[in-house]
Amino acid sequence: MTFRVGIGVDAHALADGVPLVLGGVHLDHPRGLAGHSDGDVLAHALVDAMLGAAGLGDIGSLFPPDDERFRGADSVELLREAHRRVRDAGWRLVNADCVLVGEEPRIATRRDEMRSRLGRAVDGGDVNVRATTTDGLGFTGRREGLAAYAVALLERS
């Protein structure tokens, strides 16, 4: 068996008047993530982790930020398309682990929903979602934005 690992990182600024979407789930929060698509840092980090493991570039090469077709796009749909390309290249997602970094919002009550939504986008793949804070340090600690990290393990199918 052949295995490959990829890591993905994404960050976006929090902005007023923008809906907050994390892991494909709309959260009731006064600010959302500014981005070309819906700004879902969890989905974006997972896209990059899978594409990186498969050697297929990154989210910006697949969904360019200057391409108007992706303005306001549902990032779970972008994840679904990235997964299709990974699968077509002969890889299967074994598991993924995603970490949200920020002081707010707290996601514990919505975590299972995020795991389910992301997992369905990757054909029922095992996707974990966690969160941490930076204890007030950096842009996430100052509540200026959110970041996410993801790691994906692929197996040759």
N, C-alpha and C. Protein backbone atom coordinates (compact mmCIF):
# COMPACT_ATOMS: atom_id res chain seq x y z
N MET A 1 0.83 -1.19 0.00
CA MET A 1 0.00 0.00 0.00
C MET A 1 0.87 1.24 0.00
N THR A 2 0.40 2.26 -0.68
CA THR A 2 1.10 3.53 -0.73
C THR A 2 0.26 4.58 -0.02
N PHE A 3 0.91 5.31 0.89
CA PHE A 3 0.23 6.37 1.63
C PHE A 3 0.93 7.69 1.37
N ARG A 4 0.15 8.78 1.41
CA ARG A 4 0.71 10.12 1.31
C ARG A 4 -0.02 11.02 2.29
N VAL A 5 0.72 11.98 2.84
CA VAL A 5 0.18 12.91 3.82
C VAL A 5 0.31 14.33 3.28
N GLY A 6 -0.72 15.13 3.51
CA GLY A 6 -0.68 16.54 3.13
C GLY A 6 -1.16 17.41 4.27
N ILE A 7 -0.68 18.64 4.29
CA ILE A 7 -1.12 19.61 5.31
C ILE A 7 -1.71 20.82 4.60
N GLY A 8 -2.74 21.38 5.19
CA GLY A 8 -3.36 22.58 4.64
C GLY A 8 -3.48 23.63 5.72
N VAL A 9 -3.35 24.88 5.33
CA VAL A 9 -3.44 26.02 6.25
C VAL A 9 -4.27 27.10 5.56
N ASP A 10 -5.16 27.73 6.31
CA ASP A 10 -5.92 28.85 5.76
C ASP A 10 -6.22 29.84 6.88
N ALA A 11 -6.38 31.10 6.51
CA ALA A 11 -6.74 32.15 7.47
C ALA A 11 -7.52 33.23 6.74
N HIS A 12 -8.50 33.78 7.43
CA HIS A 12 -9.28 34.90 6.89
C HIS A 12 -9.60 35.87 8.02
N ALA A 13 -9.75 37.12 7.66
CA ALA A 13 -10.13 38.16 8.61
C ALA A 13 -11.62 38.06 8.92
N LEU A 14 -11.98 38.37 10.15
CA LEU A 14 -13.39 38.48 10.53
C LEU A 14 -13.89 39.85 10.07
N ALA A 15 -15.12 39.88 9.56
CA ALA A 15 -15.69 41.12 9.03
C ALA A 15 -17.16 41.23 9.42
N ASP A 16 -17.61 42.46 9.65
CA ASP A 16 -19.02 42.71 9.93
C ASP A 16 -19.85 42.50 8.67
N GLY A 17 -21.09 42.07 8.85
CA GLY A 17 -22.02 41.95 7.75
C GLY A 17 -21.79 40.75 6.85
N VAL A 18 -20.98 39.81 7.30
CA VAL A 18 -20.68 38.62 6.52
C VAL A 18 -21.13 37.40 7.33
N PRO A 19 -21.83 36.45 6.72
CA PRO A 19 -22.23 35.25 7.46
C PRO A 19 -21.00 34.41 7.83
N LEU A 20 -21.04 33.77 8.99
CA LEU A 20 -19.94 32.91 9.42
C LEU A 20 -20.27 31.47 9.07
N VAL A 21 -19.39 30.87 8.26
CA VAL A 21 -19.53 29.46 7.87
C VAL A 21 -18.25 28.75 8.25
N LEU A 22 -18.37 27.68 9.03
CA LEU A 22 -17.23 26.87 9.43
C LEU A 22 -17.59 25.40 9.26
N GLY A 23 -16.76 24.68 8.56
CA GLY A 23 -17.04 23.27 8.34
C GLY A 23 -18.34 23.04 7.61
N GLY A 24 -18.74 24.00 6.80
CA GLY A 24 -19.99 23.89 6.05
C GLY A 24 -21.23 24.22 6.85
N VAL A 25 -21.05 24.70 8.07
CA VAL A 25 -22.17 24.99 8.97
C VAL A 25 -22.27 26.50 9.18
N HIS A 26 -23.46 27.04 8.98
CA HIS A 26 -23.70 28.46 9.23
C HIS A 26 -23.89 28.66 10.73
N LEU A 27 -23.08 29.56 11.31
CA LEU A 27 -23.13 29.82 12.75
C LEU A 27 -23.72 31.20 13.01
N ASP A 28 -24.48 31.31 14.08
CA ASP A 28 -25.02 32.59 14.50
C ASP A 28 -23.91 33.35 15.21
N HIS A 29 -23.34 34.31 14.53
CA HIS A 29 -22.21 35.06 15.07
C HIS A 29 -22.24 36.45 14.44
N PRO A 30 -21.86 37.49 15.18
CA PRO A 30 -21.97 38.85 14.64
C PRO A 30 -21.04 39.15 13.47
N ARG A 31 -19.98 38.36 13.31
CA ARG A 31 -19.05 38.60 12.19
C ARG A 31 -18.77 37.28 11.48
N GLY A 32 -18.45 37.40 10.21
CA GLY A 32 -18.09 36.23 9.42
C GLY A 32 -16.70 36.41 8.84
N LEU A 33 -16.30 35.47 8.01
CA LEU A 33 -14.96 35.49 7.43
C LEU A 33 -14.97 36.10 6.04
N ALA A 34 -14.17 37.14 5.86
CA ALA A 34 -14.04 37.79 4.56
C ALA A 34 -13.21 36.89 3.65
N GLY A 35 -13.74 36.62 2.49
CA GLY A 35 -13.02 35.79 1.53
C GLY A 35 -13.72 35.85 0.19
N HIS A 36 -13.07 35.34 -0.83
CA HIS A 36 -13.65 35.33 -2.16
C HIS A 36 -14.86 34.39 -2.21
N SER A 37 -14.71 33.23 -1.57
CA SER A 37 -15.84 32.30 -1.46
C SER A 37 -16.57 32.64 -0.15
N ASP A 38 -17.11 31.63 0.52
CA ASP A 38 -17.76 31.89 1.81
C ASP A 38 -16.76 32.01 2.96
N GLY A 39 -15.46 31.85 2.68
CA GLY A 39 -14.42 32.06 3.68
C GLY A 39 -14.25 30.93 4.68
N ASP A 40 -14.82 29.77 4.43
CA ASP A 40 -14.79 28.64 5.37
C ASP A 40 -13.37 28.09 5.50
N VAL A 41 -12.64 28.56 6.53
CA VAL A 41 -11.24 28.18 6.69
C VAL A 41 -11.06 26.69 6.93
N LEU A 42 -12.01 26.03 7.57
CA LEU A 42 -11.89 24.59 7.81
C LEU A 42 -11.94 23.82 6.49
N ALA A 43 -12.92 24.13 5.66
CA ALA A 43 -13.03 23.47 4.36
C ALA A 43 -11.83 23.79 3.48
N HIS A 44 -11.36 25.04 3.50
CA HIS A 44 -10.22 25.43 2.67
C HIS A 44 -8.95 24.70 3.09
N ALA A 45 -8.70 24.60 4.39
CA ALA A 45 -7.51 23.89 4.86
C ALA A 45 -7.57 22.42 4.46
N LEU A 46 -8.76 21.82 4.53
CA LEU A 46 -8.90 20.42 4.15
C LEU A 46 -8.68 20.23 2.64
N VAL A 47 -9.19 21.14 1.84
CA VAL A 47 -8.93 21.08 0.39
C VAL A 47 -7.42 21.07 0.15
N ASP A 48 -6.70 22.01 0.77
CA ASP A 48 -5.26 22.09 0.56
C ASP A 48 -4.53 20.85 1.05
N ALA A 49 -4.96 20.29 2.17
CA ALA A 49 -4.32 19.08 2.70
C ALA A 49 -4.48 17.92 1.73
N MET A 50 -5.67 17.73 1.19
CA MET A 50 -5.90 16.63 0.25
C MET A 50 -5.15 16.85 -1.06
N LEU A 51 -5.25 18.07 -1.61
CA LEU A 51 -4.55 18.36 -2.86
C LEU A 51 -3.04 18.20 -2.69
N GLY A 52 -2.52 18.66 -1.57
CA GLY A 52 -1.09 18.53 -1.31
C GLY A 52 -0.65 17.08 -1.23
N ALA A 53 -1.42 16.27 -0.53
CA ALA A 53 -1.06 14.85 -0.41
C ALA A 53 -1.08 14.17 -1.75
N ALA A 54 -2.01 14.55 -2.62
CA ALA A 54 -2.13 13.92 -3.94
C ALA A 54 -1.18 14.53 -4.97
N GLY A 55 -0.49 15.61 -4.59
CA GLY A 55 0.40 16.28 -5.53
C GLY A 55 -0.34 17.03 -6.62
N LEU A 56 -1.51 17.57 -6.27
CA LEU A 56 -2.37 18.24 -7.25
C LEU A 56 -2.44 19.75 -7.07
N GLY A 57 -1.41 20.36 -6.52
CA GLY A 57 -1.42 21.81 -6.36
C GLY A 57 -2.08 22.26 -5.08
N ASP A 58 -2.78 23.39 -5.18
CA ASP A 58 -3.42 23.95 -3.99
C ASP A 58 -4.76 24.57 -4.36
N ILE A 59 -5.46 25.06 -3.34
CA ILE A 59 -6.82 25.58 -3.55
C ILE A 59 -6.81 26.78 -4.50
N GLY A 60 -5.77 27.60 -4.44
CA GLY A 60 -5.70 28.77 -5.32
C GLY A 60 -5.50 28.42 -6.78
N SER A 61 -4.83 27.31 -7.06
CA SER A 61 -4.65 26.91 -8.45
C SER A 61 -5.91 26.25 -9.01
N LEU A 62 -6.65 25.57 -8.14
CA LEU A 62 -7.87 24.89 -8.57
C LEU A 62 -9.06 25.86 -8.64
N PHE A 63 -9.13 26.77 -7.68
CA PHE A 63 -10.23 27.75 -7.60
C PHE A 63 -9.61 29.14 -7.43
N PRO A 64 -9.10 29.74 -8.50
CA PRO A 64 -8.39 31.03 -8.39
C PRO A 64 -9.25 32.12 -7.76
N PRO A 65 -8.66 32.89 -6.84
CA PRO A 65 -9.42 33.93 -6.16
C PRO A 65 -9.85 35.08 -7.07
N ASP A 66 -9.27 35.19 -8.26
CA ASP A 66 -9.68 36.24 -9.18
C ASP A 66 -10.72 35.75 -10.19
N ASP A 67 -11.18 34.50 -10.02
CA ASP A 67 -12.19 33.93 -10.91
C ASP A 67 -13.57 34.18 -10.31
N GLU A 68 -14.36 34.99 -11.00
CA GLU A 68 -15.68 35.39 -10.49
C GLU A 68 -16.64 34.21 -10.31
N ARG A 69 -16.38 33.07 -10.96
CA ARG A 69 -17.25 31.90 -10.77
C ARG A 69 -17.25 31.41 -9.33
N PHE A 70 -16.20 31.75 -8.58
CA PHE A 70 -16.09 31.25 -7.22
C PHE A 70 -16.44 32.30 -6.16
N ARG A 71 -16.85 33.49 -6.59
CA ARG A 71 -17.25 34.52 -5.63
C ARG A 71 -18.46 34.04 -4.84
N GLY A 72 -18.33 34.01 -3.53
CA GLY A 72 -19.42 33.58 -2.65
C GLY A 72 -19.70 32.09 -2.68
N ALA A 73 -18.81 31.32 -3.28
CA ALA A 73 -19.04 29.88 -3.44
C ALA A 73 -19.14 29.16 -2.09
N ASP A 74 -19.93 28.10 -2.08
CA ASP A 74 -20.04 27.21 -0.93
C ASP A 74 -18.75 26.38 -0.89
N SER A 75 -17.95 26.57 0.14
CA SER A 75 -16.65 25.91 0.22
C SER A 75 -16.77 24.40 0.34
N VAL A 76 -17.88 23.89 0.83
CA VAL A 76 -18.06 22.44 0.87
C VAL A 76 -18.19 21.90 -0.55
N GLU A 77 -18.77 22.68 -1.46
CA GLU A 77 -18.83 22.26 -2.86
C GLU A 77 -17.43 22.28 -3.47
N LEU A 78 -16.60 23.24 -3.08
CA LEU A 78 -15.21 23.27 -3.55
C LEU A 78 -14.47 22.04 -3.02
N LEU A 79 -14.72 21.69 -1.76
CA LEU A 79 -14.13 20.49 -1.17
C LEU A 79 -14.57 19.24 -1.93
N ARG A 80 -15.83 19.17 -2.26
CA ARG A 80 -16.36 18.02 -3.01
C ARG A 80 -15.64 17.88 -4.36
N GLU A 81 -15.45 18.99 -5.06
CA GLU A 81 -14.76 18.96 -6.35
C GLU A 81 -13.29 18.59 -6.18
N ALA A 82 -12.63 19.13 -5.18
CA ALA A 82 -11.23 18.77 -4.92
C ALA A 82 -11.12 17.28 -4.61
N HIS A 83 -12.05 16.76 -3.82
CA HIS A 83 -12.03 15.33 -3.50
C HIS A 83 -12.23 14.49 -4.75
N ARG A 84 -13.11 14.92 -5.63
CA ARG A 84 -13.33 14.19 -6.87
C ARG A 84 -12.02 14.09 -7.67
N ARG A 85 -11.29 15.19 -7.73
CA ARG A 85 -10.02 15.19 -8.46
C ARG A 85 -8.98 14.29 -7.80
N VAL A 86 -8.97 14.30 -6.47
CA VAL A 86 -8.05 13.43 -5.73
C VAL A 86 -8.41 11.97 -6.00
N ARG A 87 -9.68 11.66 -5.96
CA ARG A 87 -10.16 10.29 -6.23
C ARG A 87 -9.84 9.89 -7.67
N ASP A 88 -10.07 10.80 -8.62
CA ASP A 88 -9.78 10.51 -10.03
C ASP A 88 -8.28 10.29 -10.27
N ALA A 89 -7.45 10.87 -9.41
CA ALA A 89 -6.00 10.69 -9.53
C ALA A 89 -5.55 9.37 -8.88
N GLY A 90 -6.51 8.61 -8.35
CA GLY A 90 -6.18 7.30 -7.81
C GLY A 90 -5.94 7.23 -6.31
N TRP A 91 -6.49 8.20 -5.57
CA TRP A 91 -6.29 8.25 -4.13
C TRP A 91 -7.61 8.15 -3.38
N ARG A 92 -7.54 7.61 -2.18
CA ARG A 92 -8.69 7.50 -1.27
C ARG A 92 -8.31 8.16 0.04
N LEU A 93 -9.20 9.02 0.57
CA LEU A 93 -8.96 9.66 1.87
C LEU A 93 -9.14 8.63 2.98
N VAL A 94 -8.09 8.40 3.74
CA VAL A 94 -8.16 7.50 4.89
C VAL A 94 -8.77 8.25 6.06
N ASN A 95 -8.18 9.39 6.39
CA ASN A 95 -8.73 10.24 7.43
C ASN A 95 -8.14 11.64 7.33
N ALA A 96 -8.81 12.58 7.98
CA ALA A 96 -8.33 13.96 8.03
C ALA A 96 -8.60 14.51 9.42
N ASP A 97 -7.74 15.40 9.85
CA ASP A 97 -7.89 16.06 11.14
C ASP A 97 -7.78 17.56 10.89
N CYS A 98 -8.81 18.30 11.30
CA CYS A 98 -8.89 19.74 11.07
C CYS A 98 -8.93 20.47 12.41
N VAL A 99 -8.16 21.55 12.52
CA VAL A 99 -8.11 22.33 13.76
C VAL A 99 -8.43 23.79 13.45
N LEU A 100 -9.46 24.32 14.10
CA LEU A 100 -9.80 25.74 14.00
C LEU A 100 -9.03 26.48 15.08
N VAL A 101 -8.45 27.62 14.74
CA VAL A 101 -7.69 28.43 15.69
C VAL A 101 -8.37 29.78 15.83
N GLY A 102 -8.83 30.09 17.04
CA GLY A 102 -9.47 31.37 17.30
C GLY A 102 -10.07 31.42 18.69
N GLU A 103 -10.27 32.61 19.17
CA GLU A 103 -10.86 32.80 20.49
C GLU A 103 -12.37 32.59 20.48
N GLU A 104 -12.98 32.87 19.34
CA GLU A 104 -14.42 32.74 19.17
C GLU A 104 -14.70 32.40 17.72
N PRO A 105 -15.79 31.79 17.42
CA PRO A 105 -16.83 31.27 18.31
C PRO A 105 -16.43 29.92 18.88
N ARG A 106 -17.10 29.53 19.92
CA ARG A 106 -16.93 28.18 20.47
C ARG A 106 -17.72 27.24 19.58
N ILE A 107 -17.13 26.14 19.18
CA ILE A 107 -17.80 25.25 18.21
C ILE A 107 -18.24 23.92 18.79
N ALA A 108 -18.03 23.69 20.07
CA ALA A 108 -18.29 22.37 20.66
C ALA A 108 -19.70 21.85 20.35
N THR A 109 -20.70 22.71 20.39
CA THR A 109 -22.08 22.25 20.17
C THR A 109 -22.38 21.98 18.70
N ARG A 110 -21.52 22.42 17.80
CA ARG A 110 -21.74 22.24 16.36
C ARG A 110 -20.69 21.35 15.70
N ARG A 111 -19.74 20.87 16.50
CA ARG A 111 -18.61 20.10 15.98
C ARG A 111 -19.05 18.86 15.20
N ASP A 112 -19.99 18.09 15.74
CA ASP A 112 -20.44 16.88 15.05
C ASP A 112 -21.10 17.19 13.72
N GLU A 113 -21.82 18.30 13.67
CA GLU A 113 -22.44 18.73 12.42
C GLU A 113 -21.37 19.09 11.38
N MET A 114 -20.31 19.74 11.83
CA MET A 114 -19.21 20.09 10.92
C MET A 114 -18.52 18.83 10.41
N ARG A 115 -18.24 17.90 11.32
CA ARG A 115 -17.60 16.64 10.92
C ARG A 115 -18.45 15.91 9.88
N SER A 116 -19.75 15.88 10.12
CA SER A 116 -20.66 15.19 9.21
C SER A 116 -20.69 15.86 7.84
N ARG A 117 -20.80 17.18 7.84
CA ARG A 117 -20.89 17.92 6.57
C ARG A 117 -19.61 17.78 5.75
N LEU A 118 -18.46 17.90 6.40
CA LEU A 118 -17.19 17.74 5.70
C LEU A 118 -17.01 16.29 5.25
N GLY A 119 -17.37 15.35 6.11
CA GLY A 119 -17.24 13.93 5.78
C GLY A 119 -18.08 13.52 4.58
N ARG A 120 -19.30 14.04 4.50
CA ARG A 120 -20.15 13.72 3.34
C ARG A 120 -19.56 14.27 2.05
N ALA A 121 -18.87 15.40 2.13
CA ALA A 121 -18.27 15.99 0.93
C ALA A 121 -17.11 15.16 0.40
N VAL A 122 -16.55 14.32 1.26
CA VAL A 122 -15.42 13.46 0.84
C VAL A 122 -15.85 12.00 0.88
N ASP A 123 -17.08 11.76 0.41
CA ASP A 123 -17.63 10.40 0.28
C ASP A 123 -17.62 9.61 1.57
N GLY A 124 -17.99 10.26 2.65
CA GLY A 124 -18.09 9.56 3.93
C GLY A 124 -16.75 9.36 4.62
N GLY A 125 -15.74 10.09 4.20
CA GLY A 125 -14.41 9.97 4.80
C GLY A 125 -14.42 10.35 6.27
N ASP A 126 -13.46 9.82 6.99
CA ASP A 126 -13.32 10.07 8.42
C ASP A 126 -12.65 11.43 8.63
N VAL A 127 -13.45 12.43 8.98
CA VAL A 127 -12.95 13.79 9.16
C VAL A 127 -13.21 14.21 10.61
N ASN A 128 -12.13 14.60 11.29
CA ASN A 128 -12.24 15.08 12.66
C ASN A 128 -12.13 16.61 12.65
N VAL A 129 -12.84 17.26 13.56
CA VAL A 129 -12.78 18.71 13.71
C VAL A 129 -12.52 19.03 15.18
N ARG A 130 -11.52 19.87 15.40
CA ARG A 130 -11.18 20.31 16.75
C ARG A 130 -10.98 21.81 16.74
N ALA A 131 -10.80 22.39 17.91
CA ALA A 131 -10.55 23.83 17.99
C ALA A 131 -9.59 24.12 19.14
N THR A 132 -8.89 25.23 18.99
CA THR A 132 -8.01 25.70 20.04
C THR A 132 -7.97 27.22 19.99
N THR A 133 -7.46 27.80 21.05
CA THR A 133 -7.25 29.25 21.10
C THR A 133 -5.75 29.51 21.12
N THR A 134 -5.39 30.77 21.03
CA THR A 134 -3.98 31.15 21.16
C THR A 134 -3.77 31.98 22.43
N ASP A 135 -4.72 31.87 23.35
CA ASP A 135 -4.63 32.58 24.63
C ASP A 135 -4.36 34.07 24.44
N GLY A 136 -5.03 34.65 23.46
CA GLY A 136 -4.94 36.08 23.24
C GLY A 136 -3.78 36.53 22.37
N LEU A 137 -2.98 35.61 21.88
CA LEU A 137 -1.81 35.98 21.08
C LEU A 137 -2.14 36.03 19.59
N GLY A 138 -1.51 36.95 18.88
CA GLY A 138 -1.64 37.02 17.42
C GLY A 138 -2.99 37.51 16.95
N PHE A 139 -3.18 37.47 15.60
CA PHE A 139 -4.42 38.00 15.03
C PHE A 139 -5.63 37.19 15.47
N THR A 140 -5.48 35.87 15.68
CA THR A 140 -6.63 35.09 16.15
C THR A 140 -6.93 35.43 17.61
N GLY A 141 -5.89 35.66 18.39
CA GLY A 141 -6.08 36.03 19.79
C GLY A 141 -6.70 37.39 19.98
N ARG A 142 -6.43 38.30 19.04
CA ARG A 142 -7.04 39.64 19.10
C ARG A 142 -8.43 39.65 18.46
N ARG A 143 -8.91 38.48 18.06
CA ARG A 143 -10.23 38.32 17.43
C ARG A 143 -10.36 39.08 16.11
N GLU A 144 -9.24 39.18 15.38
CA GLU A 144 -9.24 39.82 14.07
C GLU A 144 -9.56 38.84 12.95
N GLY A 145 -9.39 37.56 13.23
CA GLY A 145 -9.64 36.55 12.21
C GLY A 145 -9.57 35.16 12.78
N LEU A 146 -9.75 34.18 11.91
CA LEU A 146 -9.66 32.77 12.28
C LEU A 146 -8.69 32.09 11.34
N ALA A 147 -8.07 31.03 11.83
CA ALA A 147 -7.17 30.22 11.01
C ALA A 147 -7.57 28.76 11.18
N ALA A 148 -7.13 27.94 10.26
CA ALA A 148 -7.38 26.51 10.36
C ALA A 148 -6.20 25.75 9.77
N TYR A 149 -5.96 24.59 10.35
CA TYR A 149 -4.95 23.66 9.87
C TYR A 149 -5.63 22.33 9.64
N ALA A 150 -5.17 21.61 8.63
CA ALA A 150 -5.72 20.27 8.38
C ALA A 150 -4.60 19.37 7.90
N VAL A 151 -4.70 18.12 8.25
CA VAL A 151 -3.81 17.10 7.73
C VAL A 151 -4.68 15.99 7.15
N ALA A 152 -4.26 15.48 6.00
CA ALA A 152 -5.02 14.43 5.33
C ALA A 152 -4.09 13.27 5.01
N LEU A 153 -4.58 12.07 5.28
CA LEU A 153 -3.86 10.84 4.91
C LEU A 153 -4.59 10.20 3.75
N LEU A 154 -3.86 10.02 2.64
CA LEU A 154 -4.42 9.39 1.46
C LEU A 154 -3.77 8.02 1.26
N GLU A 155 -4.54 7.12 0.69
CA GLU A 155 -4.07 5.79 0.35
C GLU A 155 -4.31 5.58 -1.14
N ARG A 156 -3.34 4.96 -1.83
CA ARG A 156 -3.53 4.66 -3.24
C ARG A 156 -4.68 3.70 -3.37
N SER A 157 -5.65 4.03 -4.22
CA SER A 157 -6.85 3.16 -4.35
C SER A 157 -6.68 2.15 -5.45
